Amino acid sequence: VQRHGVRQLDAGRSFARDDLLVMGEVLRGKGETMATRRLRAILSLFVDSGVRRSEVEMLTFGQAVPVRDESNALTNFQQVEVLGKGNKLRQVPIKD
């Protein structure tokens, strides 16, 4: 979004790909703290899962549950349940 000749981040609905790339670059330059780990996890949700901003706002780390394959072995994924558009629940796989 351009306002007064300055590009501003429009976080009202979703993030543009360029915005996500800039956020990733900034986080890579930060130290390894709980805060940066949390922000990287949130950014990964946006990039890798397609979860909406409003859906991410409602998530906690404790909501992620392990995903098992056909043989009941644990996979590299976890899953969260989000309440999306139209008050519909959906399962979203996320990377460890």
PDB file of N, CA and C in Angstrom:
ATOM      1  N   VAL A   1       0.848  -1.168   0.000  1.00  0.00           N
ATOM      2  CA  VAL A   1       0.000   0.000   0.000  1.00  0.00           C
ATOM      3  C   VAL A   1       0.891   1.228   0.000  1.00  0.00           C
ATOM      4  N   GLN A   2       0.610   2.168  -0.882  1.00  0.00           N
ATOM      5  CA  GLN A   2       1.372   3.414  -0.957  1.00  0.00           C
ATOM      6  C   GLN A   2       0.595   4.516  -0.249  1.00  0.00           C
ATOM      7  N   ARG A   3       1.246   5.179   0.684  1.00  0.00           N
ATOM      8  CA  ARG A   3       0.640   6.333   1.352  1.00  0.00           C
ATOM      9  C   ARG A   3       1.696   7.413   1.433  1.00  0.00           C
ATOM     10  N   HIS A   4       1.384   8.578   0.891  1.00  0.00           N
ATOM     11  CA  HIS A   4       2.291   9.725   0.916  1.00  0.00           C
ATOM     12  C   HIS A   4       3.657   9.365   0.337  1.00  0.00           C
ATOM     13  N   GLY A   5       3.655   8.531  -0.713  1.00  0.00           N
ATOM     14  CA  GLY A   5       4.891   8.165  -1.381  1.00  0.00           C
ATOM     15  C   GLY A   5       5.726   7.111  -0.669  1.00  0.00           C
ATOM     16  N   VAL A   6       5.212   6.591   0.444  1.00  0.00           N
ATOM     17  CA  VAL A   6       5.941   5.591   1.220  1.00  0.00           C
ATOM     18  C   VAL A   6       5.150   4.287   1.199  1.00  0.00           C
ATOM     19  N   ARG A   7       5.859   3.207   0.910  1.00  0.00           N
ATOM     20  CA  ARG A   7       5.198   1.897   0.903  1.00  0.00           C
ATOM     21  C   ARG A   7       5.015   1.434   2.339  1.00  0.00           C
ATOM     22  N   GLN A   8       3.765   1.105   2.703  1.00  0.00           N
ATOM     23  CA  GLN A   8       3.473   0.641   4.050  1.00  0.00           C
ATOM     24  C   GLN A   8       2.931  -0.776   3.991  1.00  0.00           C
ATOM     25  N   LEU A   9       3.196  -1.518   5.034  1.00  0.00           N
ATOM     26  CA  LEU A   9       2.739  -2.892   5.141  1.00  0.00           C
ATOM     27  C   LEU A   9       1.241  -2.914   5.404  1.00  0.00           C
ATOM     28  N   ASP A  10       0.485  -3.603   4.582  1.00  0.00           N
ATOM     29  CA  ASP A  10      -0.952  -3.779   4.791  1.00  0.00           C
ATOM     30  C   ASP A  10      -1.167  -5.144   5.424  1.00  0.00           C
ATOM     31  N   ALA A  11      -1.279  -5.170   6.736  1.00  0.00           N
ATOM     32  CA  ALA A  11      -1.422  -6.433   7.456  1.00  0.00           C
ATOM     33  C   ALA A  11      -2.870  -6.715   7.795  1.00  0.00           C
ATOM     34  N   GLY A  12      -3.788  -6.004   7.209  1.00  0.00           N
ATOM     35  CA  GLY A  12      -5.195  -6.180   7.523  1.00  0.00           C
ATOM     36  C   GLY A  12      -5.742  -7.542   7.180  1.00  0.00           C
ATOM     37  N   ARG A  13      -5.320  -8.125   6.088  1.00  0.00           N
ATOM     38  CA  ARG A  13      -5.855  -9.416   5.666  1.00  0.00           C
ATOM     39  C   ARG A  13      -4.772 -10.464   5.510  1.00  0.00           C
ATOM     40  N   SER A  14      -3.745 -10.135   4.754  1.00  0.00           N
ATOM     41  CA  SER A  14      -2.661 -11.091   4.514  1.00  0.00           C
ATOM     42  C   SER A  14      -1.403 -10.306   4.184  1.00  0.00           C
ATOM     43  N   PHE A  15      -0.305 -11.029   4.014  1.00  0.00           N
ATOM     44  CA  PHE A  15       0.956 -10.387   3.682  1.00  0.00           C
ATOM     45  C   PHE A  15       1.307 -10.672   2.229  1.00  0.00           C
ATOM     46  N   ALA A  16       1.860  -9.664   1.564  1.00  0.00           N
ATOM     47  CA  ALA A  16       2.367  -9.855   0.206  1.00  0.00           C
ATOM     48  C   ALA A  16       3.649 -10.679   0.287  1.00  0.00           C
ATOM     49  N   ARG A  17       3.953 -11.394  -0.778  1.00  0.00           N
ATOM     50  CA  ARG A  17       5.153 -12.236  -0.809  1.00  0.00           C
ATOM     51  C   ARG A  17       6.415 -11.426  -0.490  1.00  0.00           C
ATOM     52  N   ASP A  18       6.513 -10.217  -1.049  1.00  0.00           N
ATOM     53  CA  ASP A  18       7.677  -9.371  -0.776  1.00  0.00           C
ATOM     54  C   ASP A  18       7.783  -9.031   0.705  1.00  0.00           C
ATOM     55  N   ASP A  19       6.642  -8.766   1.345  1.00  0.00           N
ATOM     56  CA  ASP A  19       6.646  -8.465   2.772  1.00  0.00           C
ATOM     57  C   ASP A  19       7.158  -9.661   3.576  1.00  0.00           C
ATOM     58  N   LEU A  20       6.712 -10.856   3.212  1.00  0.00           N
ATOM     59  CA  LEU A  20       7.166 -12.064   3.898  1.00  0.00           C
ATOM     60  C   LEU A  20       8.657 -12.279   3.723  1.00  0.00           C
ATOM     61  N   LEU A  21       9.175 -12.009   2.524  1.00  0.00           N
ATOM     62  CA  LEU A  21      10.609 -12.161   2.284  1.00  0.00           C
ATOM     63  C   LEU A  21      11.424 -11.193   3.142  1.00  0.00           C
ATOM     64  N   VAL A  22      10.963  -9.949   3.242  1.00  0.00           N
ATOM     65  CA  VAL A  22      11.657  -8.956   4.068  1.00  0.00           C
ATOM     66  C   VAL A  22      11.626  -9.382   5.537  1.00  0.00           C
ATOM     67  N   MET A  23      10.477  -9.849   6.006  1.00  0.00           N
ATOM     68  CA  MET A  23      10.376 -10.302   7.398  1.00  0.00           C
ATOM     69  C   MET A  23      11.340 -11.458   7.654  1.00  0.00           C
ATOM     70  N   GLY A  24      11.439 -12.386   6.702  1.00  0.00           N
ATOM     71  CA  GLY A  24      12.366 -13.505   6.842  1.00  0.00           C
ATOM     72  C   GLY A  24      13.807 -13.043   6.925  1.00  0.00           C
ATOM     73  N   GLU A  25      14.180 -12.075   6.091  1.00  0.00           N
ATOM     74  CA  GLU A  25      15.542 -11.537   6.114  1.00  0.00           C
ATOM     75  C   GLU A  25      15.851 -10.880   7.451  1.00  0.00           C
ATOM     76  N   VAL A  26      14.913 -10.114   7.967  1.00  0.00           N
ATOM     77  CA  VAL A  26      15.110  -9.438   9.255  1.00  0.00           C
ATOM     78  C   VAL A  26      15.282 -10.471  10.359  1.00  0.00           C
ATOM     79  N   LEU A  27      14.455 -11.508  10.366  1.00  0.00           N
ATOM     80  CA  LEU A  27      14.551 -12.536  11.412  1.00  0.00           C
ATOM     81  C   LEU A  27      15.855 -13.315  11.332  1.00  0.00           C
ATOM     82  N   ARG A  28      16.353 -13.543  10.122  1.00  0.00           N
ATOM     83  CA  ARG A  28      17.633 -14.249   9.985  1.00  0.00           C
ATOM     84  C   ARG A  28      18.773 -13.452  10.609  1.00  0.00           C
ATOM     85  N   GLY A  29      18.640 -12.129  10.661  1.00  0.00           N
ATOM     86  CA  GLY A  29      19.671 -11.278  11.238  1.00  0.00           C
ATOM     87  C   GLY A  29      19.591 -11.151  12.750  1.00  0.00           C
ATOM     88  N   LYS A  30      18.538 -11.680  13.338  1.00  0.00           N
ATOM     89  CA  LYS A  30      18.361 -11.603  14.794  1.00  0.00           C
ATOM     90  C   LYS A  30      19.033 -12.784  15.469  1.00  0.00           C
ATOM     91  N   GLY A  31      19.287 -12.659  16.750  1.00  0.00           N
ATOM     92  CA  GLY A  31      19.862 -13.754  17.522  1.00  0.00           C
ATOM     93  C   GLY A  31      18.825 -14.845  17.765  1.00  0.00           C
ATOM     94  N   GLU A  32      19.297 -15.951  18.318  1.00  0.00           N
ATOM     95  CA  GLU A  32      18.423 -17.095  18.591  1.00  0.00           C
ATOM     96  C   GLU A  32      17.803 -16.918  19.981  1.00  0.00           C
ATOM     97  N   THR A  33      16.620 -16.346  20.018  1.00  0.00           N
ATOM     98  CA  THR A  33      15.890 -16.158  21.273  1.00  0.00           C
ATOM     99  C   THR A  33      14.517 -16.814  21.142  1.00  0.00           C
ATOM    100  N   MET A  34      13.819 -16.942  22.247  1.00  0.00           N
ATOM    101  CA  MET A  34      12.461 -17.497  22.200  1.00  0.00           C
ATOM    102  C   MET A  34      11.553 -16.618  21.324  1.00  0.00           C
ATOM    103  N   ALA A  35      11.752 -15.317  21.418  1.00  0.00           N
ATOM    104  CA  ALA A  35      10.928 -14.405  20.628  1.00  0.00           C
ATOM    105  C   ALA A  35      11.156 -14.595  19.134  1.00  0.00           C
ATOM    106  N   THR A  36      12.423 -14.729  18.710  1.00  0.00           N
ATOM    107  CA  THR A  36      12.677 -14.907  17.278  1.00  0.00           C
ATOM    108  C   THR A  36      12.227 -16.284  16.810  1.00  0.00           C
ATOM    109  N   ARG A  37      12.347 -17.307  17.666  1.00  0.00           N
ATOM    110  CA  ARG A  37      11.843 -18.648  17.297  1.00  0.00           C
ATOM    111  C   ARG A  37      10.331 -18.595  17.094  1.00  0.00           C
ATOM    112  N   ARG A  38       9.643 -17.889  17.971  1.00  0.00           N
ATOM    113  CA  ARG A  38       8.188 -17.753  17.852  1.00  0.00           C
ATOM    114  C   ARG A  38       7.825 -17.017  16.563  1.00  0.00           C
ATOM    115  N   LEU A  39       8.515 -15.923  16.287  1.00  0.00           N
ATOM    116  CA  LEU A  39       8.235 -15.156  15.068  1.00  0.00           C
ATOM    117  C   LEU A  39       8.534 -15.971  13.815  1.00  0.00           C
ATOM    118  N   ARG A  40       9.621 -16.769  13.835  1.00  0.00           N
ATOM    119  CA  ARG A  40       9.915 -17.629  12.682  1.00  0.00           C
ATOM    120  C   ARG A  40       8.822 -18.670  12.482  1.00  0.00           C
ATOM    121  N   ALA A  41       8.289 -19.217  13.576  1.00  0.00           N
ATOM    122  CA  ALA A  41       7.203 -20.195  13.465  1.00  0.00           C
ATOM    123  C   ALA A  41       5.958 -19.550  12.863  1.00  0.00           C
ATOM    124  N   ILE A  42       5.657 -18.351  13.287  1.00  0.00           N
ATOM    125  CA  ILE A  42       4.497 -17.634  12.744  1.00  0.00           C
ATOM    126  C   ILE A  42       4.705 -17.344  11.264  1.00  0.00           C
ATOM    127  N   LEU A  43       5.886 -16.871  10.913  1.00  0.00           N
ATOM    128  CA  LEU A  43       6.193 -16.580   9.507  1.00  0.00           C
ATOM    129  C   LEU A  43       6.099 -17.845   8.670  1.00  0.00           C
ATOM    130  N   SER A  44       6.600 -18.949   9.194  1.00  0.00           N
ATOM    131  CA  SER A  44       6.527 -20.230   8.480  1.00  0.00           C
ATOM    132  C   SER A  44       5.077 -20.638   8.238  1.00  0.00           C
ATOM    133  N   LEU A  45       4.217 -20.393   9.205  1.00  0.00           N
ATOM    134  CA  LEU A  45       2.790 -20.702   9.000  1.00  0.00           C
ATOM    135  C   LEU A  45       2.235 -19.944   7.805  1.00  0.00           C
ATOM    136  N   PHE A  46       2.566 -18.671   7.712  1.00  0.00           N
ATOM    137  CA  PHE A  46       2.079 -17.878   6.581  1.00  0.00           C
ATOM    138  C   PHE A  46       2.609 -18.397   5.259  1.00  0.00           C
ATOM    139  N   VAL A  47       3.907 -18.660   5.210  1.00  0.00           N
ATOM    140  CA  VAL A  47       4.558 -19.034   3.960  1.00  0.00           C
ATOM    141  C   VAL A  47       4.200 -20.459   3.537  1.00  0.00           C
ATOM    142  N   ASP A  48       4.253 -21.402   4.474  1.00  0.00           N
ATOM    143  CA  ASP A  48       4.148 -22.815   4.126  1.00  0.00           C
ATOM    144  C   ASP A  48       2.738 -23.391   4.161  1.00  0.00           C
ATOM    145  N   SER A  49       1.835 -22.775   4.904  1.00  0.00           N
ATOM    146  CA  SER A  49       0.528 -23.416   5.082  1.00  0.00           C
ATOM    147  C   SER A  49      -0.636 -22.660   4.469  1.00  0.00           C
ATOM    148  N   GLY A  50      -0.465 -21.386   4.203  1.00  0.00           N
ATOM    149  CA  GLY A  50      -1.571 -20.608   3.661  1.00  0.00           C
ATOM    150  C   GLY A  50      -2.590 -20.199   4.705  1.00  0.00           C
ATOM    151  N   VAL A  51      -2.242 -20.348   5.982  1.00  0.00           N
ATOM    152  CA  VAL A  51      -3.152 -19.950   7.051  1.00  0.00           C
ATOM    153  C   VAL A  51      -3.285 -18.438   7.029  1.00  0.00           C
ATOM    154  N   ARG A  52      -4.492 -17.954   7.234  1.00  0.00           N
ATOM    155  CA  ARG A  52      -4.751 -16.518   7.230  1.00  0.00           C
ATOM    156  C   ARG A  52      -4.248 -15.871   8.514  1.00  0.00           C
ATOM    157  N   ARG A  53      -3.981 -14.567   8.428  1.00  0.00           N
ATOM    158  CA  ARG A  53      -3.493 -13.811   9.584  1.00  0.00           C
ATOM    159  C   ARG A  53      -4.434 -13.972  10.769  1.00  0.00           C
ATOM    160  N   SER A  54      -5.712 -13.834  10.543  1.00  0.00           N
ATOM    161  CA  SER A  54      -6.682 -13.941  11.635  1.00  0.00           C
ATOM    162  C   SER A  54      -6.698 -15.339  12.248  1.00  0.00           C
ATOM    163  N   GLU A  55      -6.383 -16.359  11.446  1.00  0.00           N
ATOM    164  CA  GLU A  55      -6.331 -17.729  11.958  1.00  0.00           C
ATOM    165  C   GLU A  55      -5.083 -17.938  12.812  1.00  0.00           C
ATOM    166  N   VAL A  56      -3.969 -17.346  12.393  1.00  0.00           N
ATOM    167  CA  VAL A  56      -2.726 -17.463  13.155  1.00  0.00           C
ATOM    168  C   VAL A  56      -2.867 -16.772  14.511  1.00  0.00           C
ATOM    169  N   GLU A  57      -3.579 -15.650  14.535  1.00  0.00           N
ATOM    170  CA  GLU A  57      -3.759 -14.912  15.792  1.00  0.00           C
ATOM    171  C   GLU A  57      -4.353 -15.778  16.890  1.00  0.00           C
ATOM    172  N   MET A  58      -5.158 -16.748  16.526  1.00  0.00           N
ATOM    173  CA  MET A  58      -5.876 -17.562  17.502  1.00  0.00           C
ATOM    174  C   MET A  58      -5.105 -18.821  17.917  1.00  0.00           C
ATOM    175  N   LEU A  59      -3.960 -19.096  17.286  1.00  0.00           N
ATOM    176  CA  LEU A  59      -3.231 -20.329  17.565  1.00  0.00           C
ATOM    177  C   LEU A  59      -2.272 -20.189  18.742  1.00  0.00           C
ATOM    178  N   THR A  60      -2.043 -21.322  19.420  1.00  0.00           N
ATOM    179  CA  THR A  60      -0.989 -21.414  20.429  1.00  0.00           C
ATOM    180  C   THR A  60      -0.131 -22.628  20.082  1.00  0.00           C
ATOM    181  N   PHE A  61       1.084 -22.673  20.603  1.00  0.00           N
ATOM    182  CA  PHE A  61       1.961 -23.815  20.335  1.00  0.00           C
ATOM    183  C   PHE A  61       1.336 -25.112  20.831  1.00  0.00           C
ATOM    184  N   GLY A  62       0.573 -25.045  21.912  1.00  0.00           N
ATOM    185  CA  GLY A  62      -0.030 -26.239  22.486  1.00  0.00           C
ATOM    186  C   GLY A  62      -1.109 -26.870  21.628  1.00  0.00           C
ATOM    187  N   GLN A  63      -1.583 -26.177  20.604  1.00  0.00           N
ATOM    188  CA  GLN A  63      -2.633 -26.718  19.749  1.00  0.00           C
ATOM    189  C   GLN A  63      -2.117 -27.680  18.691  1.00  0.00           C
ATOM    190  N   ALA A  64      -0.831 -27.678  18.437  1.00  0.00           N
ATOM    191  CA  ALA A  64      -0.268 -28.553  17.404  1.00  0.00           C
ATOM    192  C   ALA A  64      -0.224 -29.990  17.914  1.00  0.00           C
ATOM    193  N   VAL A  65      -0.724 -30.905  17.092  1.00  0.00           N
ATOM    194  CA  VAL A  65      -0.704 -32.326  17.440  1.00  0.00           C
ATOM    195  C   VAL A  65       0.076 -33.085  16.372  1.00  0.00           C
ATOM    196  N   PRO A  66       0.799 -34.147  16.766  1.00  0.00           N
ATOM    197  CA  PRO A  66       1.582 -34.921  15.806  1.00  0.00           C
ATOM    198  C   PRO A  66       0.687 -35.604  14.761  1.00  0.00           C
ATOM    199  N   VAL A  67       1.233 -35.745  13.553  1.00  0.00           N
ATOM    200  CA  VAL A  67       0.541 -36.447  12.475  1.00  0.00           C
ATOM    201  C   VAL A  67       1.229 -37.793  12.275  1.00  0.00           C
ATOM    202  N   ARG A  68       0.438 -38.842  12.148  1.00  0.00           N
ATOM    203  CA  ARG A  68       0.970 -40.186  11.919  1.00  0.00           C
ATOM    204  C   ARG A  68       0.639 -40.634  10.501  1.00  0.00           C
ATOM    205  N   ASP A  69       1.488 -41.500   9.953  1.00  0.00           N
ATOM    206  CA  ASP A  69       1.237 -42.028   8.608  1.00  0.00           C
ATOM    207  C   ASP A  69       0.367 -43.283   8.691  1.00  0.00           C
ATOM    208  N   GLU A  70       0.218 -43.956   7.537  1.00  0.00           N
ATOM    209  CA  GLU A  70      -0.656 -45.134   7.449  1.00  0.00           C
ATOM    210  C   GLU A  70      -0.225 -46.261   8.392  1.00  0.00           C
ATOM    211  N   SER A  71       1.082 -46.339   8.692  1.00  0.00           N
ATOM    212  CA  SER A  71       1.581 -47.401   9.569  1.00  0.00           C
ATOM    213  C   SER A  71       1.602 -46.958  11.038  1.00  0.00           C
ATOM    214  N   ASN A  72       1.020 -45.800  11.322  1.00  0.00           N
ATOM    215  CA  ASN A  72       0.933 -45.241  12.665  1.00  0.00           C
ATOM    216  C   ASN A  72       2.264 -44.689  13.173  1.00  0.00           C
ATOM    217  N   ALA A  73       3.235 -44.523  12.283  1.00  0.00           N
ATOM    218  CA  ALA A  73       4.520 -43.930  12.653  1.00  0.00           C
ATOM    219  C   ALA A  73       4.407 -42.407  12.594  1.00  0.00           C
ATOM    220  N   LEU A  74       5.129 -41.723  13.479  1.00  0.00           N
ATOM    221  CA  LEU A  74       5.125 -40.266  13.471  1.00  0.00           C
ATOM    222  C   LEU A  74       5.776 -39.735  12.201  1.00  0.00           C
ATOM    223  N   THR A  75       5.243 -38.646  11.671  1.00  0.00           N
ATOM    224  CA  THR A  75       5.792 -37.988  10.480  1.00  0.00           C
ATOM    225  C   THR A  75       6.547 -36.731  10.905  1.00  0.00           C
ATOM    226  N   ASN A  76       7.042 -35.975   9.937  1.00  0.00           N
ATOM    227  CA  ASN A  76       7.713 -34.691  10.199  1.00  0.00           C
ATOM    228  C   ASN A  76       6.713 -33.552  10.358  1.00  0.00           C
ATOM    229  N   PHE A  77       5.458 -33.865  10.393  1.00  0.00           N
ATOM    230  CA  PHE A  77       4.424 -32.837  10.447  1.00  0.00           C
ATOM    231  C   PHE A  77       3.639 -32.889  11.742  1.00  0.00           C
ATOM    232  N   GLN A  78       3.097 -31.740  12.059  1.00  0.00           N
ATOM    233  CA  GLN A  78       2.094 -31.636  13.101  1.00  0.00           C
ATOM    234  C   GLN A  78       0.876 -31.028  12.436  1.00  0.00           C
ATOM    235  N   GLN A  79      -0.186 -30.908  13.174  1.00  0.00           N
ATOM    236  CA  GLN A  79      -1.431 -30.410  12.599  1.00  0.00           C
ATOM    237  C   GLN A  79      -2.102 -29.488  13.598  1.00  0.00           C
ATOM    238  N   VAL A  80      -2.671 -28.410  13.087  1.00  0.00           N
ATOM    239  CA  VAL A  80      -3.481 -27.522  13.910  1.00  0.00           C
ATOM    240  C   VAL A  80      -4.867 -27.421  13.296  1.00  0.00           C
ATOM    241  N   GLU A  81      -5.823 -27.169  14.126  1.00  0.00           N
ATOM    242  CA  GLU A  81      -7.194 -26.966  13.655  1.00  0.00           C
ATOM    243  C   GLU A  81      -7.479 -25.477  13.756  1.00  0.00           C
ATOM    244  N   VAL A  82      -7.909 -24.875  12.651  1.00  0.00           N
ATOM    245  CA  VAL A  82      -8.190 -23.442  12.638  1.00  0.00           C
ATOM    246  C   VAL A  82      -9.636 -23.209  12.243  1.00  0.00           C
ATOM    247  N   LEU A  83     -10.175 -22.149  12.795  1.00  0.00           N
ATOM    248  CA  LEU A  83     -11.525 -21.733  12.446  1.00  0.00           C
ATOM    249  C   LEU A  83     -11.394 -20.672  11.368  1.00  0.00           C
ATOM    250  N   GLY A  84     -11.838 -20.995  10.164  1.00  0.00           N
ATOM    251  CA  GLY A  84     -11.637 -20.117   9.026  1.00  0.00           C
ATOM    252  C   GLY A  84     -12.890 -19.396   8.590  1.00  0.00           C
ATOM    253  N   LYS A  85     -12.872 -18.995   7.334  1.00  0.00           N
ATOM    254  CA  LYS A  85     -13.995 -18.269   6.754  1.00  0.00           C
ATOM    255  C   LYS A  85     -15.274 -19.085   6.880  1.00  0.00           C
ATOM    256  N   GLY A  86     -16.363 -18.409   7.155  1.00  0.00           N
ATOM    257  CA  GLY A  86     -17.643 -19.079   7.277  1.00  0.00           C
ATOM    258  C   GLY A  86     -17.728 -19.951   8.525  1.00  0.00           C
ATOM    259  N   ASN A  87     -16.879 -19.668   9.517  1.00  0.00           N
ATOM    260  CA  ASN A  87     -16.836 -20.454  10.757  1.00  0.00           C
ATOM    261  C   ASN A  87     -16.639 -21.937  10.496  1.00  0.00           C
ATOM    262  N   LYS A  88     -15.834 -22.258   9.496  1.00  0.00           N
ATOM    263  CA  LYS A  88     -15.552 -23.658   9.164  1.00  0.00           C
ATOM    264  C   LYS A  88     -14.214 -24.075   9.770  1.00  0.00           C
ATOM    265  N   LEU A  89     -14.222 -25.222  10.439  1.00  0.00           N
ATOM    266  CA  LEU A  89     -12.991 -25.773  10.983  1.00  0.00           C
ATOM    267  C   LEU A  89     -12.237 -26.512   9.892  1.00  0.00           C
ATOM    268  N   ARG A  90     -10.920 -26.351   9.875  1.00  0.00           N
ATOM    269  CA  ARG A  90     -10.112 -27.110   8.926  1.00  0.00           C
ATOM    270  C   ARG A  90      -8.816 -27.520   9.592  1.00  0.00           C
ATOM    271  N   GLN A  91      -8.281 -28.631   9.141  1.00  0.00           N
ATOM    272  CA  GLN A  91      -7.022 -29.156   9.641  1.00  0.00           C
ATOM    273  C   GLN A  91      -5.901 -28.645   8.737  1.00  0.00           C
ATOM    274  N   VAL A  92      -4.860 -28.081   9.350  1.00  0.00           N
ATOM    275  CA  VAL A  92      -3.753 -27.554   8.590  1.00  0.00           C
ATOM    276  C   VAL A  92      -2.465 -28.235   9.050  1.00  0.00           C
ATOM    277  N   PRO A  93      -1.805 -28.988   8.125  1.00  0.00           N
ATOM    278  CA  PRO A  93      -0.520 -29.597   8.492  1.00  0.00           C
ATOM    279  C   PRO A  93       0.567 -28.531   8.520  1.00  0.00           C
ATOM    280  N   ILE A  94       1.475 -28.663   9.485  1.00  0.00           N
ATOM    281  CA  ILE A  94       2.593 -27.736   9.585  1.00  0.00           C
ATOM    282  C   ILE A  94       3.876 -28.526   9.783  1.00  0.00           C
ATOM    283  N   LYS A  95       4.977 -27.973   9.282  1.00  0.00           N
ATOM    284  CA  LYS A  95       6.282 -28.618   9.428  1.00  0.00           C
ATOM    285  C   LYS A  95       6.756 -28.506  10.875  1.00  0.00           C
ATOM    286  N   ASP A  96       7.549 -29.523  11.288  1.00  0.00           N
ATOM    287  CA  ASP A  96       8.166 -29.420  12.620  1.00  0.00           C
ATOM    288  C   ASP A  96       9.030 -28.172  12.671  1.00  0.00           C
TER     289      ASP A  96
END
